[in-house]
Amino acid sequence: MGAVSITASGFTKIAVGRLRARYPQATALEFDVGERLPVCLASVQFDAISCFDVLFHILDDARYEQAIRNLETLTRSGGYLLYSDDFVPETIRTEQQVLRGLKPQHT
């Protein structure tokens, strides 16, 4: 689709290894979007970021907020952030995901 370069990420060595094997032309980084940005990404921005079926698996609210900040920082002004989430009226927490409610949470 005309991309000059592609950077992929995963949060485990196994996932990143598989990315590198399958897409050797891409840069693959080990990175957990819910953690602080690594130094190698501190001054990088992307034209487009795809983050599908990821954010609702971040169970900790502080890590979720960090992920949102990271995605904002990594998306250049005028760029595209494509993501999926399961917004529901009220927050539902399970062992594997958090369906974040549309109503603000007060803690």
PDB file of N, CA and C in Angstrom:
ATOM      1  N   MET A   1       0.818  -1.198   0.000  1.00  0.00           N
ATOM      2  CA  MET A   1       0.000   0.000   0.000  1.00  0.00           C
ATOM      3  C   MET A   1       0.859   1.258   0.000  1.00  0.00           C
ATOM      4  N   GLY A   2       2.119   1.120  -0.352  1.00  0.00           N
ATOM      5  CA  GLY A   2       2.981   2.275  -0.472  1.00  0.00           C
ATOM      6  C   GLY A   2       3.789   2.619   0.760  1.00  0.00           C
ATOM      7  N   ALA A   3       3.743   1.769   1.777  1.00  0.00           N
ATOM      8  CA  ALA A   3       4.527   2.044   2.986  1.00  0.00           C
ATOM      9  C   ALA A   3       6.014   1.934   2.664  1.00  0.00           C
ATOM     10  N   VAL A   4       6.767   2.921   3.100  1.00  0.00           N
ATOM     11  CA  VAL A   4       8.210   2.914   2.903  1.00  0.00           C
ATOM     12  C   VAL A   4       8.877   1.984   3.906  1.00  0.00           C
ATOM     13  N   SER A   5       8.341   1.975   5.131  1.00  0.00           N
ATOM     14  CA  SER A   5       8.872   1.080   6.157  1.00  0.00           C
ATOM     15  C   SER A   5       7.744   0.668   7.093  1.00  0.00           C
ATOM     16  N   ILE A   6       7.934  -0.482   7.711  1.00  0.00           N
ATOM     17  CA  ILE A   6       6.952  -1.001   8.663  1.00  0.00           C
ATOM     18  C   ILE A   6       7.684  -1.381   9.933  1.00  0.00           C
ATOM     19  N   THR A   7       7.140  -0.963  11.053  1.00  0.00           N
ATOM     20  CA  THR A   7       7.654  -1.347  12.361  1.00  0.00           C
ATOM     21  C   THR A   7       6.560  -2.119  13.072  1.00  0.00           C
ATOM     22  N   ALA A   8       6.900  -3.285  13.569  1.00  0.00           N
ATOM     23  CA  ALA A   8       5.947  -4.120  14.295  1.00  0.00           C
ATOM     24  C   ALA A   8       6.434  -4.265  15.724  1.00  0.00           C
ATOM     25  N   SER A   9       5.511  -4.595  16.625  1.00  0.00           N
ATOM     26  CA  SER A   9       5.937  -4.807  18.005  1.00  0.00           C
ATOM     27  C   SER A   9       5.163  -5.958  18.623  1.00  0.00           C
ATOM     28  N   GLY A  10       5.787  -6.541  19.615  1.00  0.00           N
ATOM     29  CA  GLY A  10       5.167  -7.568  20.429  1.00  0.00           C
ATOM     30  C   GLY A  10       5.735  -7.431  21.821  1.00  0.00           C
ATOM     31  N   PHE A  11       5.061  -7.985  22.817  1.00  0.00           N
ATOM     32  CA  PHE A  11       5.577  -7.802  24.167  1.00  0.00           C
ATOM     33  C   PHE A  11       6.272  -9.038  24.717  1.00  0.00           C
ATOM     34  N   THR A  12       6.510 -10.040  23.871  1.00  0.00           N
ATOM     35  CA  THR A  12       7.301 -11.201  24.291  1.00  0.00           C
ATOM     36  C   THR A  12       8.382 -11.473  23.248  1.00  0.00           C
ATOM     37  N   LYS A  13       9.466 -12.085  23.696  1.00  0.00           N
ATOM     38  CA  LYS A  13      10.551 -12.446  22.780  1.00  0.00           C
ATOM     39  C   LYS A  13      10.051 -13.407  21.698  1.00  0.00           C
ATOM     40  N   ILE A  14       9.166 -14.326  22.080  1.00  0.00           N
ATOM     41  CA  ILE A  14       8.639 -15.300  21.121  1.00  0.00           C
ATOM     42  C   ILE A  14       7.849 -14.590  20.021  1.00  0.00           C
ATOM     43  N   ALA A  15       6.969 -13.674  20.409  1.00  0.00           N
ATOM     44  CA  ALA A  15       6.168 -12.952  19.418  1.00  0.00           C
ATOM     45  C   ALA A  15       7.055 -12.136  18.480  1.00  0.00           C
ATOM     46  N   VAL A  16       8.035 -11.457  19.036  1.00  0.00           N
ATOM     47  CA  VAL A  16       8.928 -10.638  18.220  1.00  0.00           C
ATOM     48  C   VAL A  16       9.763 -11.525  17.300  1.00  0.00           C
ATOM     49  N   GLY A  17      10.213 -12.660  17.801  1.00  0.00           N
ATOM     50  CA  GLY A  17      10.957 -13.603  16.964  1.00  0.00           C
ATOM     51  C   GLY A  17      10.133 -14.089  15.782  1.00  0.00           C
ATOM     52  N   ARG A  18       8.868 -14.369  16.035  1.00  0.00           N
ATOM     53  CA  ARG A  18       7.969 -14.807  14.953  1.00  0.00           C
ATOM     54  C   ARG A  18       7.739 -13.682  13.940  1.00  0.00           C
ATOM     55  N   LEU A  19       7.581 -12.456  14.441  1.00  0.00           N
ATOM     56  CA  LEU A  19       7.427 -11.316  13.538  1.00  0.00           C
ATOM     57  C   LEU A  19       8.654 -11.170  12.644  1.00  0.00           C
ATOM     58  N   ARG A  20       9.840 -11.264  13.234  1.00  0.00           N
ATOM     59  CA  ARG A  20      11.081 -11.114  12.472  1.00  0.00           C
ATOM     60  C   ARG A  20      11.235 -12.219  11.430  1.00  0.00           C
ATOM     61  N   ALA A  21      10.848 -13.435  11.798  1.00  0.00           N
ATOM     62  CA  ALA A  21      10.956 -14.554  10.859  1.00  0.00           C
ATOM     63  C   ALA A  21       9.967 -14.406   9.705  1.00  0.00           C
ATOM     64  N   ARG A  22       8.756 -13.983  10.015  1.00  0.00           N
ATOM     65  CA  ARG A  22       7.719 -13.900   8.992  1.00  0.00           C
ATOM     66  C   ARG A  22       7.844 -12.652   8.127  1.00  0.00           C
ATOM     67  N   TYR A  23       8.324 -11.551   8.719  1.00  0.00           N
ATOM     68  CA  TYR A  23       8.427 -10.274   8.005  1.00  0.00           C
ATOM     69  C   TYR A  23       9.846  -9.717   8.141  1.00  0.00           C
ATOM     70  N   PRO A  24      10.821 -10.337   7.500  1.00  0.00           N
ATOM     71  CA  PRO A  24      12.214  -9.901   7.680  1.00  0.00           C
ATOM     72  C   PRO A  24      12.482  -8.479   7.186  1.00  0.00           C
ATOM     73  N   GLN A  25      11.644  -7.960   6.313  1.00  0.00           N
ATOM     74  CA  GLN A  25      11.831  -6.604   5.800  1.00  0.00           C
ATOM     75  C   GLN A  25      11.370  -5.539   6.798  1.00  0.00           C
ATOM     76  N   ALA A  26      10.609  -5.942   7.809  1.00  0.00           N
ATOM     77  CA  ALA A  26      10.086  -5.000   8.807  1.00  0.00           C
ATOM     78  C   ALA A  26      11.013  -4.934  10.016  1.00  0.00           C
ATOM     79  N   THR A  27      10.925  -3.852  10.750  1.00  0.00           N
ATOM     80  CA  THR A  27      11.599  -3.734  12.032  1.00  0.00           C
ATOM     81  C   THR A  27      10.648  -4.287  13.083  1.00  0.00           C
ATOM     82  N   ALA A  28      11.118  -5.196  13.925  1.00  0.00           N
ATOM     83  CA  ALA A  28      10.278  -5.772  14.979  1.00  0.00           C
ATOM     84  C   ALA A  28      10.894  -5.448  16.327  1.00  0.00           C
ATOM     85  N   LEU A  29      10.108  -4.832  17.203  1.00  0.00           N
ATOM     86  CA  LEU A  29      10.579  -4.402  18.511  1.00  0.00           C
ATOM     87  C   LEU A  29       9.832  -5.124  19.622  1.00  0.00           C
ATOM     88  N   GLU A  30      10.553  -5.463  20.676  1.00  0.00           N
ATOM     89  CA  GLU A  30       9.897  -5.982  21.872  1.00  0.00           C
ATOM     90  C   GLU A  30       9.459  -4.778  22.696  1.00  0.00           C
ATOM     91  N   PHE A  31       8.156  -4.633  22.865  1.00  0.00           N
ATOM     92  CA  PHE A  31       7.621  -3.430  23.485  1.00  0.00           C
ATOM     93  C   PHE A  31       6.240  -3.725  24.046  1.00  0.00           C
ATOM     94  N   ASP A  32       6.035  -3.375  25.294  1.00  0.00           N
ATOM     95  CA  ASP A  32       4.733  -3.498  25.941  1.00  0.00           C
ATOM     96  C   ASP A  32       4.116  -2.107  25.953  1.00  0.00           C
ATOM     97  N   VAL A  33       3.050  -1.913  25.205  1.00  0.00           N
ATOM     98  CA  VAL A  33       2.443  -0.591  25.045  1.00  0.00           C
ATOM     99  C   VAL A  33       1.954  -0.009  26.366  1.00  0.00           C
ATOM    100  N   GLY A  34       1.748  -0.834  27.384  1.00  0.00           N
ATOM    101  CA  GLY A  34       1.305  -0.363  28.690  1.00  0.00           C
ATOM    102  C   GLY A  34       2.427   0.094  29.597  1.00  0.00           C
ATOM    103  N   GLU A  35       3.666  -0.010  29.129  1.00  0.00           N
ATOM    104  CA  GLU A  35       4.838   0.432  29.897  1.00  0.00           C
ATOM    105  C   GLU A  35       5.354   1.747  29.314  1.00  0.00           C
ATOM    106  N   ARG A  36       6.291   2.366  30.006  1.00  0.00           N
ATOM    107  CA  ARG A  36       6.907   3.593  29.483  1.00  0.00           C
ATOM    108  C   ARG A  36       7.572   3.307  28.153  1.00  0.00           C
ATOM    109  N   LEU A  37       7.610   4.316  27.299  1.00  0.00           N
ATOM    110  CA  LEU A  37       8.242   4.146  25.992  1.00  0.00           C
ATOM    111  C   LEU A  37       9.715   3.809  26.151  1.00  0.00           C
ATOM    112  N   PRO A  38      10.207   2.825  25.415  1.00  0.00           N
ATOM    113  CA  PRO A  38      11.643   2.540  25.460  1.00  0.00           C
ATOM    114  C   PRO A  38      12.419   3.668  24.779  1.00  0.00           C
ATOM    115  N   VAL A  39      13.683   3.782  25.104  1.00  0.00           N
ATOM    116  CA  VAL A  39      14.538   4.846  24.565  1.00  0.00           C
ATOM    117  C   VAL A  39      14.508   4.859  23.041  1.00  0.00           C
ATOM    118  N   CYS A  40      14.486   3.668  22.423  1.00  0.00           N
ATOM    119  CA  CYS A  40      14.519   3.605  20.951  1.00  0.00           C
ATOM    120  C   CYS A  40      13.276   4.216  20.309  1.00  0.00           C
ATOM    121  N   LEU A  41      12.208   4.439  21.080  1.00  0.00           N
ATOM    122  CA  LEU A  41      10.992   5.041  20.543  1.00  0.00           C
ATOM    123  C   LEU A  41      10.731   6.448  21.084  1.00  0.00           C
ATOM    124  N   ALA A  42      11.646   6.956  21.881  1.00  0.00           N
ATOM    125  CA  ALA A  42      11.431   8.235  22.566  1.00  0.00           C
ATOM    126  C   ALA A  42      11.204   9.398  21.598  1.00  0.00           C
ATOM    127  N   SER A  43      11.822   9.381  20.439  1.00  0.00           N
ATOM    128  CA  SER A  43      11.676  10.508  19.508  1.00  0.00           C
ATOM    129  C   SER A  43      11.145  10.057  18.152  1.00  0.00           C
ATOM    130  N   VAL A  44      10.430   8.938  18.134  1.00  0.00           N
ATOM    131  CA  VAL A  44       9.900   8.388  16.884  1.00  0.00           C
ATOM    132  C   VAL A  44       8.395   8.619  16.816  1.00  0.00           C
ATOM    133  N   GLN A  45       7.919   8.957  15.632  1.00  0.00           N
ATOM    134  CA  GLN A  45       6.479   9.033  15.405  1.00  0.00           C
ATOM    135  C   GLN A  45       6.161   8.313  14.103  1.00  0.00           C
ATOM    136  N   PHE A  46       4.942   7.795  14.033  1.00  0.00           N
ATOM    137  CA  PHE A  46       4.519   7.000  12.891  1.00  0.00           C
ATOM    138  C   PHE A  46       3.339   7.657  12.195  1.00  0.00           C
ATOM    139  N   ASP A  47       3.252   7.457  10.892  1.00  0.00           N
ATOM    140  CA  ASP A  47       2.135   7.979  10.111  1.00  0.00           C
ATOM    141  C   ASP A  47       0.844   7.233  10.421  1.00  0.00           C
ATOM    142  N   ALA A  48       0.970   5.950  10.715  1.00  0.00           N
ATOM    143  CA  ALA A  48      -0.203   5.134  11.026  1.00  0.00           C
ATOM    144  C   ALA A  48       0.190   4.065  12.036  1.00  0.00           C
ATOM    145  N   ILE A  49      -0.698   3.829  12.984  1.00  0.00           N
ATOM    146  CA  ILE A  49      -0.499   2.787  13.995  1.00  0.00           C
ATOM    147  C   ILE A  49      -1.769   1.943  14.049  1.00  0.00           C
ATOM    148  N   SER A  50      -1.578   0.637  14.027  1.00  0.00           N
ATOM    149  CA  SER A  50      -2.690  -0.297  14.157  1.00  0.00           C
ATOM    150  C   SER A  50      -2.548  -1.027  15.486  1.00  0.00           C
ATOM    151  N   CYS A  51      -3.594  -0.995  16.271  1.00  0.00           N
ATOM    152  CA  CYS A  51      -3.575  -1.602  17.605  1.00  0.00           C
ATOM    153  C   CYS A  51      -4.919  -2.317  17.824  1.00  0.00           C
ATOM    154  N   PHE A  52      -5.102  -3.416  17.100  1.00  0.00           N
ATOM    155  CA  PHE A  52      -6.364  -4.148  17.171  1.00  0.00           C
ATOM    156  C   PHE A  52      -6.286  -5.279  18.191  1.00  0.00           C
ATOM    157  N   ASP A  53      -7.351  -5.431  18.958  1.00  0.00           N
ATOM    158  CA  ASP A  53      -7.499  -6.527  19.930  1.00  0.00           C
ATOM    159  C   ASP A  53      -6.350  -6.578  20.928  1.00  0.00           C
ATOM    160  N   VAL A  54      -5.914  -5.409  21.387  1.00  0.00           N
ATOM    161  CA  VAL A  54      -4.806  -5.323  22.337  1.00  0.00           C
ATOM    162  C   VAL A  54      -5.241  -4.646  23.636  1.00  0.00           C
ATOM    163  N   LEU A  55      -5.794  -3.455  23.529  1.00  0.00           N
ATOM    164  CA  LEU A  55      -5.998  -2.613  24.706  1.00  0.00           C
ATOM    165  C   LEU A  55      -6.932  -3.218  25.741  1.00  0.00           C
ATOM    166  N   PHE A  56      -7.939  -3.963  25.330  1.00  0.00           N
ATOM    167  CA  PHE A  56      -8.847  -4.534  26.328  1.00  0.00           C
ATOM    168  C   PHE A  56      -8.226  -5.686  27.103  1.00  0.00           C
ATOM    169  N   HIS A  57      -7.033  -6.114  26.692  1.00  0.00           N
ATOM    170  CA  HIS A  57      -6.313  -7.132  27.457  1.00  0.00           C
ATOM    171  C   HIS A  57      -5.413  -6.517  28.530  1.00  0.00           C
ATOM    172  N   ILE A  58      -5.317  -5.201  28.560  1.00  0.00           N
ATOM    173  CA  ILE A  58      -4.564  -4.524  29.621  1.00  0.00           C
ATOM    174  C   ILE A  58      -5.509  -4.386  30.806  1.00  0.00           C
ATOM    175  N   LEU A  59      -5.261  -5.167  31.837  1.00  0.00           N
ATOM    176  CA  LEU A  59      -6.175  -5.238  32.980  1.00  0.00           C
ATOM    177  C   LEU A  59      -6.022  -4.070  33.947  1.00  0.00           C
ATOM    178  N   ASP A  60      -4.821  -3.569  34.091  1.00  0.00           N
ATOM    179  CA  ASP A  60      -4.529  -2.495  35.037  1.00  0.00           C
ATOM    180  C   ASP A  60      -4.866  -1.140  34.415  1.00  0.00           C
ATOM    181  N   ASP A  61      -5.674  -0.346  35.094  1.00  0.00           N
ATOM    182  CA  ASP A  61      -6.115   0.936  34.543  1.00  0.00           C
ATOM    183  C   ASP A  61      -4.968   1.920  34.322  1.00  0.00           C
ATOM    184  N   ALA A  62      -3.985   1.931  35.202  1.00  0.00           N
ATOM    185  CA  ALA A  62      -2.840   2.837  35.034  1.00  0.00           C
ATOM    186  C   ALA A  62      -2.033   2.448  33.793  1.00  0.00           C
ATOM    187  N   ARG A  63      -1.864   1.159  33.553  1.00  0.00           N
ATOM    188  CA  ARG A  63      -1.151   0.692  32.361  1.00  0.00           C
ATOM    189  C   ARG A  63      -1.964   0.999  31.099  1.00  0.00           C
ATOM    190  N   TYR A  64      -3.284   0.897  31.191  1.00  0.00           N
ATOM    191  CA  TYR A  64      -4.156   1.252  30.067  1.00  0.00           C
ATOM    192  C   TYR A  64      -3.984   2.729  29.719  1.00  0.00           C
ATOM    193  N   GLU A  65      -3.995   3.583  30.738  1.00  0.00           N
ATOM    194  CA  GLU A  65      -3.795   5.018  30.505  1.00  0.00           C
ATOM    195  C   GLU A  65      -2.421   5.288  29.902  1.00  0.00           C
ATOM    196  N   GLN A  66      -1.396   4.564  30.365  1.00  0.00           N
ATOM    197  CA  GLN A  66      -0.053   4.709  29.796  1.00  0.00           C
ATOM    198  C   GLN A  66      -0.062   4.296  28.327  1.00  0.00           C
ATOM    199  N   ALA A  67      -0.773   3.230  28.007  1.00  0.00           N
ATOM    200  CA  ALA A  67      -0.866   2.782  26.619  1.00  0.00           C
ATOM    201  C   ALA A  67      -1.489   3.861  25.736  1.00  0.00           C
ATOM    202  N   ILE A  68      -2.552   4.484  26.215  1.00  0.00           N
ATOM    203  CA  ILE A  68      -3.197   5.553  25.448  1.00  0.00           C
ATOM    204  C   ILE A  68      -2.232   6.719  25.249  1.00  0.00           C
ATOM    205  N   ARG A  69      -1.507   7.091  26.304  1.00  0.00           N
ATOM    206  CA  ARG A  69      -0.508   8.172  26.182  1.00  0.00           C
ATOM    207  C   ARG A  69       0.564   7.787  25.172  1.00  0.00           C
ATOM    208  N   ASN A  70       1.038   6.533  25.225  1.00  0.00           N
ATOM    209  CA  ASN A  70       2.068   6.081  24.290  1.00  0.00           C
ATOM    210  C   ASN A  70       1.578   6.158  22.850  1.00  0.00           C
ATOM    211  N   LEU A  71       0.370   5.692  22.616  1.00  0.00           N
ATOM    212  CA  LEU A  71      -0.168   5.714  21.261  1.00  0.00           C
ATOM    213  C   LEU A  71      -0.315   7.143  20.747  1.00  0.00           C
ATOM    214  N   GLU A  72      -0.722   8.040  21.638  1.00  0.00           N
ATOM    215  CA  GLU A  72      -0.819   9.449  21.256  1.00  0.00           C
ATOM    216  C   GLU A  72       0.560  10.006  20.903  1.00  0.00           C
ATOM    217  N   THR A  73       1.544   9.697  21.716  1.00  0.00           N
ATOM    218  CA  THR A  73       2.908  10.177  21.495  1.00  0.00           C
ATOM    219  C   THR A  73       3.498   9.619  20.199  1.00  0.00           C
ATOM    220  N   LEU A  74       3.215   8.363  19.910  1.00  0.00           N
ATOM    221  CA  LEU A  74       3.809   7.690  18.750  1.00  0.00           C
ATOM    222  C   LEU A  74       3.124   8.022  17.430  1.00  0.00           C
ATOM    223  N   THR A  75       1.906   8.575  17.479  1.00  0.00           N
ATOM    224  CA  THR A  75       1.182   8.918  16.254  1.00  0.00           C
ATOM    225  C   THR A  75       1.489  10.364  15.890  1.00  0.00           C
ATOM    226  N   ARG A  76       2.041  10.567  14.723  1.00  0.00           N
ATOM    227  CA  ARG A  76       2.389  11.932  14.314  1.00  0.00           C
ATOM    228  C   ARG A  76       1.128  12.759  14.139  1.00  0.00           C
ATOM    229  N   SER A  77       1.260  14.065  14.266  1.00  0.00           N
ATOM    230  CA  SER A  77       0.141  14.978  14.042  1.00  0.00           C
ATOM    231  C   SER A  77      -0.382  14.771  12.625  1.00  0.00           C
ATOM    232  N   GLY A  78      -1.662  14.537  12.486  1.00  0.00           N
ATOM    233  CA  GLY A  78      -2.249  14.259  11.175  1.00  0.00           C
ATOM    234  C   GLY A  78      -2.173  12.791  10.792  1.00  0.00           C
ATOM    235  N   GLY A  79      -1.581  11.965  11.671  1.00  0.00           N
ATOM    236  CA  GLY A  79      -1.467  10.539  11.386  1.00  0.00           C
ATOM    237  C   GLY A  79      -2.736   9.801  11.775  1.00  0.00           C
ATOM    238  N   TYR A  80      -2.692   8.493  11.658  1.00  0.00           N
ATOM    239  CA  TYR A  80      -3.860   7.652  11.918  1.00  0.00           C
ATOM    240  C   TYR A  80      -3.568   6.642  13.013  1.00  0.00           C
ATOM    241  N   LEU A  81      -4.471   6.565  13.971  1.00  0.00           N
ATOM    242  CA  LEU A  81      -4.433   5.529  14.996  1.00  0.00           C
ATOM    243  C   LEU A  81      -5.659   4.662  14.788  1.00  0.00           C
ATOM    244  N   LEU A  82      -5.432   3.421  14.455  1.00  0.00           N
ATOM    245  CA  LEU A  82      -6.513   2.463  14.221  1.00  0.00           C
ATOM    246  C   LEU A  82      -6.485   1.456  15.362  1.00  0.00           C
ATOM    247  N   TYR A  83      -7.578   1.365  16.091  1.00  0.00           N
ATOM    248  CA  TYR A  83      -7.622   0.420  17.197  1.00  0.00           C
ATOM    249  C   TYR A  83      -9.040  -0.099  17.375  1.00  0.00           C
ATOM    250  N   SER A  84      -9.138  -1.192  18.088  1.00  0.00           N
ATOM    251  CA  SER A  84     -10.457  -1.737  18.401  1.00  0.00           C
ATOM    252  C   SER A  84     -10.590  -1.841  19.914  1.00  0.00           C
ATOM    253  N   ASP A  85     -11.799  -1.693  20.375  1.00  0.00           N
ATOM    254  CA  ASP A  85     -12.097  -1.860  21.796  1.00  0.00           C
ATOM    255  C   ASP A  85     -13.561  -2.242  21.907  1.00  0.00           C
ATOM    256  N   ASP A  86     -13.959  -2.746  23.043  1.00  0.00           N
ATOM    257  CA  ASP A  86     -15.338  -3.181  23.266  1.00  0.00           C
ATOM    258  C   ASP A  86     -16.004  -2.260  24.278  1.00  0.00           C
ATOM    259  N   PHE A  87     -16.248  -1.018  23.905  1.00  0.00           N
ATOM    260  CA  PHE A  87     -16.867  -0.089  24.834  1.00  0.00           C
ATOM    261  C   PHE A  87     -18.307  -0.527  25.118  1.00  0.00           C
ATOM    262  N   VAL A  88     -18.621  -0.602  26.379  1.00  0.00           N
ATOM    263  CA  VAL A  88     -19.934  -1.036  26.845  1.00  0.00           C
ATOM    264  C   VAL A  88     -20.446   0.013  27.835  1.00  0.00           C
ATOM    265  N   PRO A  89     -21.748  -0.002  28.165  1.00  0.00           N
ATOM    266  CA  PRO A  89     -22.266   1.017  29.084  1.00  0.00           C
ATOM    267  C   PRO A  89     -21.572   1.028  30.445  1.00  0.00           C
ATOM    268  N   GLU A  90     -21.332  -0.124  31.027  1.00  0.00           N
ATOM    269  CA  GLU A  90     -20.676  -0.242  32.334  1.00  0.00           C
ATOM    270  C   GLU A  90     -19.435  -1.115  32.185  1.00  0.00           C
ATOM    271  N   THR A  91     -18.398  -0.835  32.943  1.00  0.00           N
ATOM    272  CA  THR A  91     -17.166  -1.615  32.881  1.00  0.00           C
ATOM    273  C   THR A  91     -17.396  -3.041  33.366  1.00  0.00           C
ATOM    274  N   ILE A  92     -16.855  -3.978  32.599  1.00  0.00           N
ATOM    275  CA  ILE A  92     -16.907  -5.400  32.952  1.00  0.00           C
ATOM    276  C   ILE A  92     -15.468  -5.907  33.003  1.00  0.00           C
ATOM    277  N   ARG A  93     -15.072  -6.463  34.148  1.00  0.00           N
ATOM    278  CA  ARG A  93     -13.715  -6.985  34.311  1.00  0.00           C
ATOM    279  C   ARG A  93     -13.750  -8.508  34.383  1.00  0.00           C
ATOM    280  N   THR A  94     -12.885  -9.151  33.594  1.00  0.00           N
ATOM    281  CA  THR A  94     -12.721 -10.598  33.662  1.00  0.00           C
ATOM    282  C   THR A  94     -11.240 -10.879  33.897  1.00  0.00           C
ATOM    283  N   GLU A  95     -10.874 -12.138  33.979  1.00  0.00           N
ATOM    284  CA  GLU A  95      -9.463 -12.504  34.188  1.00  0.00           C
ATOM    285  C   GLU A  95      -8.601 -12.201  32.968  1.00  0.00           C
ATOM    286  N   GLN A  96      -9.212 -12.050  31.801  1.00  0.00           N
ATOM    287  CA  GLN A  96      -8.451 -11.895  30.570  1.00  0.00           C
ATOM    288  C   GLN A  96      -8.617 -10.552  29.882  1.00  0.00           C
ATOM    289  N   GLN A  97      -9.647  -9.809  30.266  1.00  0.00           N
ATOM    290  CA  GLN A  97      -9.861  -8.527  29.608  1.00  0.00           C
ATOM    291  C   GLN A  97     -10.723  -7.605  30.459  1.00  0.00           C
ATOM    292  N   VAL A  98     -10.668  -6.329  30.099  1.00  0.00           N
ATOM    293  CA  VAL A  98     -11.528  -5.329  30.721  1.00  0.00           C
ATOM    294  C   VAL A  98     -12.302  -4.658  29.597  1.00  0.00           C
ATOM    295  N   LEU A  99     -13.604  -4.796  29.657  1.00  0.00           N
ATOM    296  CA  LEU A  99     -14.476  -4.077  28.735  1.00  0.00           C
ATOM    297  C   LEU A  99     -14.795  -2.755  29.433  1.00  0.00           C
ATOM    298  N   ARG A 100     -14.145  -1.695  28.984  1.00  0.00           N
ATOM    299  CA  ARG A 100     -14.256  -0.417  29.666  1.00  0.00           C
ATOM    300  C   ARG A 100     -15.560   0.275  29.316  1.00  0.00           C
ATOM    301  N   GLY A 101     -16.242   0.714  30.349  1.00  0.00           N
ATOM    302  CA  GLY A 101     -17.537   1.351  30.176  1.00  0.00           C
ATOM    303  C   GLY A 101     -17.425   2.754  29.642  1.00  0.00           C
ATOM    304  N   LEU A 102     -18.490   3.211  29.048  1.00  0.00           N
ATOM    305  CA  LEU A 102     -18.545   4.555  28.507  1.00  0.00           C
ATOM    306  C   LEU A 102     -18.723   5.600  29.599  1.00  0.00           C
ATOM    307  N   LYS A 103     -19.234   5.175  30.781  1.00  0.00           N
ATOM    308  CA  LYS A 103     -19.392   6.100  31.898  1.00  0.00           C
ATOM    309  C   LYS A 103     -18.050   6.275  32.600  1.00  0.00           C
ATOM    310  N   PRO A 104     -17.707   7.502  33.003  1.00  0.00           N
ATOM    311  CA  PRO A 104     -16.430   7.722  33.713  1.00  0.00           C
ATOM    312  C   PRO A 104     -16.370   6.915  35.008  1.00  0.00           C
ATOM    313  N   GLN A 105     -15.182   6.427  35.322  1.00  0.00           N
ATOM    314  CA  GLN A 105     -14.955   5.669  36.556  1.00  0.00           C
ATOM    315  C   GLN A 105     -14.516   6.629  37.645  1.00  0.00           C
ATOM    316  N   HIS A 106     -15.098   6.494  38.819  1.00  0.00           N
ATOM    317  CA  HIS A 106     -14.709   7.310  39.965  1.00  0.00           C
ATOM    318  C   HIS A 106     -14.140   6.366  41.007  1.00  0.00           C
ATOM    319  N   THR A 107     -12.872   6.577  41.348  1.00  0.00           N
ATOM    320  CA  THR A 107     -12.224   5.704  42.348  1.00  0.00           C
ATOM    321  C   THR A 107     -11.840   6.481  43.586  1.00  0.00           C
TER     322      THR A 107
END
